[in-house]
Amino acid sequence: MSVNRAMLQAAFDIVELLHKEGISAIIAGGAARDIFFGVSPKDFDIICAGVDHYRITDVLLKANLNFKQ
């Protein structure tokens, strides 16, 4: 599955949401490489540092986002 522009924007929106909540987060992995080289990523990996998954889950649930753990 290839992502579209809306999915790309959603990934950046999630990173921005996490930043607003004081969580250090970046888009990483193959997606970061693909974006750099102008290739459409297949998916997005978001890495969060210095926080446990319970805090991240809480932020995503409060924003009514669907996600996989």
C-alpha atoms as a PDB file:
ATOM      1  CA  MET A   1       0.000   0.000   0.000  1.00  0.00           C
ATOM      2  CA  SER A   2       1.321   3.396  -0.934  1.00  0.00           C
ATOM      3  CA  VAL A   3       0.399   6.417   1.149  1.00  0.00           C
ATOM      4  CA  ASN A   4      -1.318   9.507  -0.176  1.00  0.00           C
ATOM      5  CA  ARG A   5      -0.843  13.166   0.700  1.00  0.00           C
ATOM      6  CA  ALA A   6      -3.509  13.033   3.436  1.00  0.00           C
ATOM      7  CA  MET A   7      -1.729  10.134   5.144  1.00  0.00           C
ATOM      8  CA  LEU A   8       1.581  12.001   4.964  1.00  0.00           C
ATOM      9  CA  GLN A   9      -0.044  15.060   6.537  1.00  0.00           C
ATOM     10  CA  ALA A  10      -1.637  12.878   9.226  1.00  0.00           C
ATOM     11  CA  ALA A  11       1.784  11.504  10.205  1.00  0.00           C
ATOM     12  CA  PHE A  12       3.156  15.029  10.554  1.00  0.00           C
ATOM     13  CA  ASP A  13       0.033  16.059  12.498  1.00  0.00           C
ATOM     14  CA  ILE A  14       0.585  13.206  14.975  1.00  0.00           C
ATOM     15  CA  VAL A  15       4.199  14.252  15.510  1.00  0.00           C
ATOM     16  CA  GLU A  16       3.024  17.836  16.057  1.00  0.00           C
ATOM     17  CA  LEU A  17       0.355  16.663  18.539  1.00  0.00           C
ATOM     18  CA  LEU A  18       2.965  14.700  20.491  1.00  0.00           C
ATOM     19  CA  HIS A  19       5.289  17.722  20.537  1.00  0.00           C
ATOM     20  CA  LYS A  20       2.488  19.916  21.890  1.00  0.00           C
ATOM     21  CA  GLU A  21       2.083  17.386  24.706  1.00  0.00           C
ATOM     22  CA  GLY A  22       5.800  17.660  25.528  1.00  0.00           C
ATOM     23  CA  ILE A  23       6.746  14.340  23.927  1.00  0.00           C
ATOM     24  CA  SER A  24       9.852  14.182  21.764  1.00  0.00           C
ATOM     25  CA  ALA A  25       8.814  12.446  18.530  1.00  0.00           C
ATOM     26  CA  ILE A  26      10.133  12.057  14.976  1.00  0.00           C
ATOM     27  CA  ILE A  27       9.196  10.262  11.773  1.00  0.00           C
ATOM     28  CA  ALA A  28      11.862   7.608  11.291  1.00  0.00           C
ATOM     29  CA  GLY A  29      12.755   4.472   9.394  1.00  0.00           C
ATOM     30  CA  GLY A  30      12.047   3.935   5.730  1.00  0.00           C
ATOM     31  CA  ALA A  31       9.507   6.756   5.594  1.00  0.00           C
ATOM     32  CA  ALA A  32      12.120   9.357   6.565  1.00  0.00           C
ATOM     33  CA  ARG A  33      14.465   8.027   3.875  1.00  0.00           C
ATOM     34  CA  ASP A  34      11.684   7.899   1.279  1.00  0.00           C
ATOM     35  CA  ILE A  35      10.533  11.457   2.003  1.00  0.00           C
ATOM     36  CA  PHE A  36      14.125  12.680   1.701  1.00  0.00           C
ATOM     37  CA  PHE A  37      14.513  11.043  -1.713  1.00  0.00           C
ATOM     38  CA  GLY A  38      11.050  12.070  -2.969  1.00  0.00           C
ATOM     39  CA  VAL A  39       9.635   8.530  -2.928  1.00  0.00           C
ATOM     40  CA  SER A  40       6.147   7.745  -1.612  1.00  0.00           C
ATOM     41  CA  PRO A  41       6.523   5.878   1.717  1.00  0.00           C
ATOM     42  CA  LYS A  42       4.607   2.645   2.342  1.00  0.00           C
ATOM     43  CA  ASP A  43       4.026   3.423   6.015  1.00  0.00           C
ATOM     44  CA  PHE A  44       5.249   5.637   8.837  1.00  0.00           C
ATOM     45  CA  ASP A  45       7.215   4.848  11.969  1.00  0.00           C
ATOM     46  CA  ILE A  46       7.042   7.471  14.691  1.00  0.00           C
ATOM     47  CA  ILE A  47       9.669   7.205  17.409  1.00  0.00           C
ATOM     48  CA  CYS A  48       9.046   8.779  20.807  1.00  0.00           C
ATOM     49  CA  ALA A  49      11.884   9.233  23.271  1.00  0.00           C
ATOM     50  CA  GLY A  50      11.899   9.481  27.038  1.00  0.00           C
ATOM     51  CA  VAL A  51       8.270   8.512  27.585  1.00  0.00           C
ATOM     52  CA  ASP A  52       6.465   5.247  28.232  1.00  0.00           C
ATOM     53  CA  HIS A  53       3.801   3.854  25.937  1.00  0.00           C
ATOM     54  CA  TYR A  54       1.042   4.576  28.480  1.00  0.00           C
ATOM     55  CA  ARG A  55       1.583   8.333  28.091  1.00  0.00           C
ATOM     56  CA  ILE A  56       1.579   8.084  24.296  1.00  0.00           C
ATOM     57  CA  THR A  57      -1.552   5.914  24.353  1.00  0.00           C
ATOM     58  CA  ASP A  58      -3.267   8.487  26.573  1.00  0.00           C
ATOM     59  CA  VAL A  59      -2.457  11.341  24.176  1.00  0.00           C
ATOM     60  CA  LEU A  60      -3.642   9.389  21.127  1.00  0.00           C
ATOM     61  CA  LEU A  61      -6.853   8.259  22.829  1.00  0.00           C
ATOM     62  CA  LYS A  62      -7.669  11.816  23.952  1.00  0.00           C
ATOM     63  CA  ALA A  63      -7.257  12.908  20.317  1.00  0.00           C
ATOM     64  CA  ASN A  64      -9.656  10.120  19.208  1.00  0.00           C
ATOM     65  CA  LEU A  65      -6.993   8.583  16.937  1.00  0.00           C
ATOM     66  CA  ASN A  66      -7.019   4.961  15.833  1.00  0.00           C
ATOM     67  CA  PHE A  67      -3.637   3.306  16.236  1.00  0.00           C
ATOM     68  CA  LYS A  68      -1.787   0.006  16.617  1.00  0.00           C
ATOM     69  CA  GLN A  69       0.527  -0.729  19.507  1.00  0.00           C
END
